[in-house]
Amino acid sequence: RFENITLTGSGGTGGGGLSINNSNAGITLGQGAYICGNATTGNGGGILIASGQLTIETGSTISHNKASNGGGIYVGGGSVTFTNGSIAKNTANPSGGGVYIGSGEFTMDGGEIKANIGTSSGGGVYINSSGTFNFAGGYISGNTTGSVNANPGRSVYINGTFNVSGSAACEMPTNGTITNDVFLAHGKQVVITGILSSNNASSTPAKSFMLNFDSTAWQAGETVITTTNTQDYQRIDLAFNLPFTINNTSGHLQ
């Protein structure tokens, strides 16, 4: 367990601040744990986890780190549980400014992923095809992609498994532009595993996030959301430029 410790100023080719590659490892970042100001030419500016378990708790901060993928954290295997704390102001070129989930599992039920940059996609979180993001609580806000915020998935880019439930929320746009979007790659789905209860104050009723996708790749009839509770559809907005609506009993496009 790491408390009241600062890991800073490191580099190398992966896991700038901390590298975890042992299936028996169980590491917790607690109060006063700071992983800040690290940079790597590879993946995982702050942390790279290839196997084992990492828990991030209240009072921990992962910030101002830089990497190719996963400016804050790169998950290449194992599992990460993010219960509180902050992943903020990290940069990845190209993807996953805050977190890049290449494979393995990242579970978030508290804390914030904020003000990170993915120069190509996934400003906050990028989910690769073999990765799983369980988003059950906490807040993702103010993340960007591209020099003028022009690329998709400012909050989350979904190219893998995205399970959402509870009070999970991404900041909703307030200025009529596509900001803070959750981008869905073609053929992927948002799977709602528990009743959504977002308290996102910027919309009424409170929305969990705004879903965006390339409308030229999708067709009517394809399923974008899976849920057993039809009220959950009220918690998700579609980006204003999409020529579709969501069928509120089947989750497919119409």
Protein backbone atom coordinates (compact mmCIF):
# COMPACT_ATOMS: atom_id res chain seq x y z
CA ARG A 1 0.00 0.00 0.00
CA PHE A 2 1.39 3.40 -1.05
CA GLU A 3 0.51 6.47 1.03
CA ASN A 4 2.18 9.87 1.37
CA ILE A 5 4.58 9.15 -1.46
CA THR A 6 5.43 10.96 -4.69
CA LEU A 7 6.67 9.20 -7.82
CA THR A 8 7.80 11.84 -10.28
CA GLY A 9 10.31 12.71 -12.98
CA SER A 10 10.76 9.21 -14.39
CA GLY A 11 10.82 8.16 -18.05
CA GLY A 12 11.82 5.08 -20.00
CA THR A 13 9.86 3.08 -22.52
CA GLY A 14 6.80 2.13 -20.44
CA GLY A 15 5.30 2.72 -17.02
CA GLY A 16 6.93 6.07 -16.39
CA GLY A 17 6.01 6.31 -12.71
CA LEU A 18 5.06 2.74 -11.79
CA SER A 19 5.08 -0.58 -13.66
CA ILE A 20 3.14 -3.62 -12.39
CA ASN A 21 3.82 -6.95 -14.07
CA ASN A 22 3.23 -9.74 -11.56
CA SER A 23 0.03 -11.75 -11.41
CA ASN A 24 0.40 -11.98 -7.61
CA ALA A 25 0.83 -8.24 -7.14
CA GLY A 26 -1.83 -6.28 -5.29
CA ILE A 27 -1.02 -2.58 -5.00
CA THR A 28 -3.15 0.16 -3.47
CA LEU A 29 -2.66 3.90 -3.93
CA GLY A 30 -4.07 5.67 -0.89
CA GLN A 31 -4.07 9.05 0.79
CA GLY A 32 -1.23 11.27 -0.33
CA ALA A 33 -0.02 9.02 -3.16
CA TYR A 34 1.03 11.21 -6.09
CA ILE A 35 2.18 9.89 -9.46
CA CYS A 36 2.92 13.07 -11.33
CA GLY A 37 5.18 14.54 -13.97
CA ASN A 38 6.42 11.31 -15.53
CA ALA A 39 6.91 10.75 -19.27
CA THR A 40 7.59 7.69 -21.40
CA THR A 41 8.12 7.06 -25.08
CA GLY A 42 5.97 3.93 -24.73
CA ASN A 43 2.68 3.30 -22.92
CA GLY A 44 1.60 4.29 -19.44
CA GLY A 45 3.01 7.68 -18.56
CA GLY A 46 1.99 7.41 -14.93
CA ILE A 47 1.29 3.69 -14.51
CA LEU A 48 1.54 0.59 -16.69
CA ILE A 49 -0.17 -2.56 -15.42
CA ALA A 50 0.39 -5.78 -17.40
CA SER A 51 -0.87 -8.20 -14.73
CA GLY A 52 -1.90 -8.17 -11.08
CA GLN A 53 -4.29 -5.79 -9.33
CA LEU A 54 -4.23 -2.06 -8.71
CA THR A 55 -6.64 -0.16 -6.44
CA ILE A 56 -6.84 3.64 -6.47
CA GLU A 57 -8.48 5.21 -3.42
CA THR A 58 -9.36 8.58 -1.88
CA GLY A 59 -6.54 11.09 -1.74
CA SER A 60 -4.50 9.64 -4.60
CA THR A 61 -3.58 11.66 -7.69
CA ILE A 62 -2.28 10.66 -11.12
CA SER A 63 -1.55 13.81 -13.08
CA HIS A 64 0.66 15.62 -15.61
CA ASN A 65 2.07 12.40 -17.08
CA LYS A 66 2.74 11.76 -20.78
CA ALA A 67 2.87 8.64 -22.98
CA SER A 68 2.02 7.24 -26.39
CA ASN A 69 -1.13 5.50 -25.12
CA GLY A 70 -2.45 5.87 -21.60
CA GLY A 71 -1.07 9.18 -20.41
CA GLY A 72 -2.24 8.47 -16.86
CA ILE A 73 -2.68 4.69 -16.84
CA TYR A 74 -2.17 1.96 -19.43
CA VAL A 75 -4.01 -1.29 -18.66
CA GLY A 76 -2.38 -4.08 -20.67
CA GLY A 77 -3.70 -6.87 -18.44
CA GLY A 78 -4.80 -7.53 -14.88
CA SER A 79 -7.37 -5.27 -13.26
CA VAL A 80 -7.68 -1.75 -11.92
CA THR A 81 -10.32 -0.61 -9.41
CA PHE A 82 -10.75 3.15 -9.20
CA THR A 83 -12.87 3.99 -6.16
CA ASN A 84 -11.86 7.61 -5.67
CA GLY A 85 -9.07 10.09 -6.27
CA SER A 86 -8.13 11.94 -9.43
CA ILE A 87 -6.74 11.10 -12.87
CA ALA A 88 -6.22 14.52 -14.37
CA LYS A 89 -4.20 16.61 -16.82
CA ASN A 90 -2.39 13.69 -18.44
CA THR A 91 -1.58 13.54 -22.16
CA ALA A 92 -1.42 10.67 -24.65
CA ASN A 93 -0.37 10.80 -28.26
CA PRO A 94 -2.41 9.27 -29.81
CA SER A 95 -5.02 7.76 -27.46
CA GLY A 96 -6.27 7.44 -23.89
CA GLY A 97 -5.23 10.68 -22.25
CA GLY A 98 -6.43 9.56 -18.83
CA VAL A 99 -6.70 5.78 -19.23
CA TYR A 100 -6.03 3.36 -22.09
CA ILE A 101 -7.53 -0.12 -21.61
CA GLY A 102 -5.65 -2.34 -24.05
CA SER A 103 -6.75 -5.57 -22.38
CA GLY A 104 -7.77 -6.51 -18.87
CA GLU A 105 -10.36 -4.60 -16.87
CA PHE A 106 -10.80 -1.11 -15.45
CA THR A 107 -13.62 -0.56 -12.94
CA MET A 108 -14.62 2.95 -11.88
CA ASP A 109 -17.15 3.57 -9.14
CA GLY A 110 -15.94 6.93 -7.86
CA GLY A 111 -13.40 9.68 -8.36
CA GLU A 112 -12.84 11.81 -11.43
CA ILE A 113 -11.13 11.55 -14.79
CA LYS A 114 -10.72 15.17 -15.78
CA ALA A 115 -8.93 17.52 -18.17
CA ASN A 116 -6.86 14.86 -19.93
CA ILE A 117 -5.84 14.99 -23.60
CA GLY A 118 -5.78 12.20 -26.18
CA THR A 119 -4.49 13.84 -29.33
CA SER A 120 -6.31 11.39 -31.62
CA SER A 121 -9.14 9.79 -29.61
CA GLY A 122 -10.23 8.91 -26.11
CA GLY A 123 -9.43 12.09 -24.23
CA GLY A 124 -10.58 10.58 -20.94
CA VAL A 125 -10.68 6.82 -21.60
CA TYR A 126 -9.93 4.67 -24.64
CA ILE A 127 -11.25 1.07 -24.63
CA ASN A 128 -9.43 -1.20 -27.06
CA SER A 129 -11.04 -4.30 -28.57
CA SER A 130 -9.78 -6.61 -25.78
CA GLY A 131 -10.43 -4.17 -22.93
CA THR A 132 -13.35 -3.83 -20.53
CA PHE A 133 -14.49 -0.63 -18.79
CA ASN A 134 -17.00 -1.09 -15.96
CA PHE A 135 -18.31 2.41 -15.26
CA ALA A 136 -20.50 2.41 -12.14
CA GLY A 137 -19.84 5.81 -10.57
CA GLY A 138 -17.67 8.88 -10.59
CA TYR A 139 -17.42 11.65 -13.16
CA ILE A 140 -15.60 12.12 -16.46
CA SER A 141 -15.35 15.74 -17.55
CA GLY A 142 -13.39 18.34 -19.46
CA ASN A 143 -11.26 15.92 -21.49
CA THR A 144 -10.26 16.78 -25.06
CA THR A 145 -9.04 15.25 -28.31
CA GLY A 146 -7.08 16.99 -31.02
CA SER A 147 -5.74 20.51 -31.08
CA VAL A 148 -9.22 21.97 -31.50
CA ASN A 149 -11.19 19.20 -29.78
CA ALA A 150 -12.17 17.91 -33.22
CA ASN A 151 -11.70 14.15 -32.85
CA PRO A 152 -14.18 11.65 -31.39
CA GLY A 153 -14.49 10.27 -27.90
CA ARG A 154 -13.59 13.25 -25.77
CA SER A 155 -14.90 11.46 -22.67
CA VAL A 156 -14.74 7.78 -23.74
CA TYR A 157 -13.90 6.02 -27.00
CA ILE A 158 -15.57 2.58 -27.09
CA ASN A 159 -13.86 -0.02 -29.24
CA GLY A 160 -14.20 -2.77 -26.63
CA THR A 161 -16.60 -3.66 -23.81
CA PHE A 162 -18.37 -0.79 -22.04
CA ASN A 163 -20.57 -1.71 -19.07
CA VAL A 164 -22.33 1.19 -17.36
CA SER A 165 -24.53 1.38 -14.26
CA GLY A 166 -25.45 3.45 -11.22
CA SER A 167 -24.36 7.05 -10.92
CA ALA A 168 -21.75 6.92 -13.70
CA ALA A 169 -21.74 10.19 -15.61
CA CYS A 170 -19.85 12.20 -18.20
CA GLU A 171 -20.19 15.95 -18.37
CA MET A 172 -22.96 16.91 -20.76
CA PRO A 173 -22.43 19.61 -23.40
CA THR A 174 -24.05 22.93 -22.65
CA ASN A 175 -23.23 24.96 -25.75
CA GLY A 176 -24.86 23.00 -28.59
CA THR A 177 -21.61 21.45 -29.80
CA ILE A 178 -20.36 17.87 -29.61
CA THR A 179 -18.17 18.03 -26.52
CA ASN A 180 -17.58 15.44 -23.81
CA ASP A 181 -18.99 12.72 -26.06
CA VAL A 182 -18.90 8.95 -25.61
CA PHE A 183 -18.00 7.61 -29.05
CA LEU A 184 -19.18 4.17 -30.15
CA ALA A 185 -17.15 2.36 -32.81
CA HIS A 186 -19.22 0.45 -35.35
CA GLY A 187 -20.46 -2.91 -34.07
CA LYS A 188 -19.92 -2.12 -30.39
CA GLN A 189 -22.62 -1.60 -27.77
CA VAL A 190 -23.28 0.23 -24.55
CA VAL A 191 -24.32 -2.44 -22.05
CA ILE A 192 -26.33 -1.09 -19.11
CA THR A 193 -25.80 -3.57 -16.29
CA GLY A 194 -27.68 -1.69 -13.57
CA ILE A 195 -30.28 1.07 -13.34
CA LEU A 196 -28.75 4.45 -14.16
CA SER A 197 -29.10 7.12 -11.51
CA SER A 198 -27.03 10.00 -12.82
CA ASN A 199 -27.23 13.25 -10.87
CA ASN A 200 -25.63 15.18 -13.74
CA ALA A 201 -26.89 18.69 -13.09
CA SER A 202 -26.46 20.05 -16.62
CA SER A 203 -29.55 18.36 -18.05
CA THR A 204 -33.14 17.60 -17.09
CA PRO A 205 -33.85 14.76 -16.65
CA ALA A 206 -30.29 14.12 -15.54
CA LYS A 207 -28.38 12.42 -18.35
CA SER A 208 -25.51 10.00 -17.88
CA PHE A 209 -23.73 10.88 -21.11
CA MET A 210 -24.07 11.86 -24.77
CA LEU A 211 -23.53 9.05 -27.27
CA ASN A 212 -21.85 9.82 -30.57
CA PHE A 213 -20.88 7.68 -33.57
CA ASP A 214 -20.05 7.79 -37.25
CA SER A 215 -23.50 7.76 -38.81
CA THR A 216 -22.11 6.69 -42.19
CA ALA A 217 -20.98 3.38 -40.68
CA TRP A 218 -24.21 2.52 -38.88
CA GLN A 219 -27.60 1.54 -40.28
CA ALA A 220 -31.13 1.55 -38.91
CA GLY A 221 -31.87 -1.66 -37.05
CA GLU A 222 -28.43 -2.08 -35.53
CA THR A 223 -28.31 -2.22 -31.72
CA VAL A 224 -26.35 0.43 -29.84
CA ILE A 225 -27.67 -0.04 -26.29
CA THR A 226 -28.54 -3.18 -24.33
CA THR A 227 -30.58 -2.88 -21.13
CA THR A 228 -33.43 -4.61 -19.29
CA ASN A 229 -34.78 -1.31 -17.94
CA THR A 230 -36.30 0.90 -20.63
CA GLN A 231 -36.17 3.99 -18.38
CA ASP A 232 -32.41 3.95 -18.86
CA TYR A 233 -32.88 5.29 -22.38
CA GLN A 234 -33.93 8.61 -20.85
CA ARG A 235 -30.48 8.88 -19.30
CA ILE A 236 -28.62 8.82 -22.64
CA ASP A 237 -28.63 11.51 -25.31
CA LEU A 238 -27.63 11.11 -28.92
CA ALA A 239 -25.35 13.71 -30.45
CA PHE A 240 -27.39 16.36 -32.24
CA ASN A 241 -25.91 15.67 -35.69
CA LEU A 242 -27.01 12.01 -35.86
CA PRO A 243 -29.88 11.09 -38.21
CA PHE A 244 -31.20 8.40 -35.84
CA THR A 245 -33.27 7.88 -32.74
CA ILE A 246 -33.05 4.91 -30.36
CA ASN A 247 -35.94 2.48 -30.11
CA ASN A 248 -36.81 2.59 -26.42
CA THR A 249 -37.69 -1.08 -26.14
CA SER A 250 -34.94 -2.73 -28.13
CA GLY A 251 -32.05 -0.25 -28.12
CA HIS A 252 -31.64 -0.35 -31.88
CA LEU A 253 -31.39 2.58 -34.24
CA GLN A 254 -34.42 3.79 -36.12
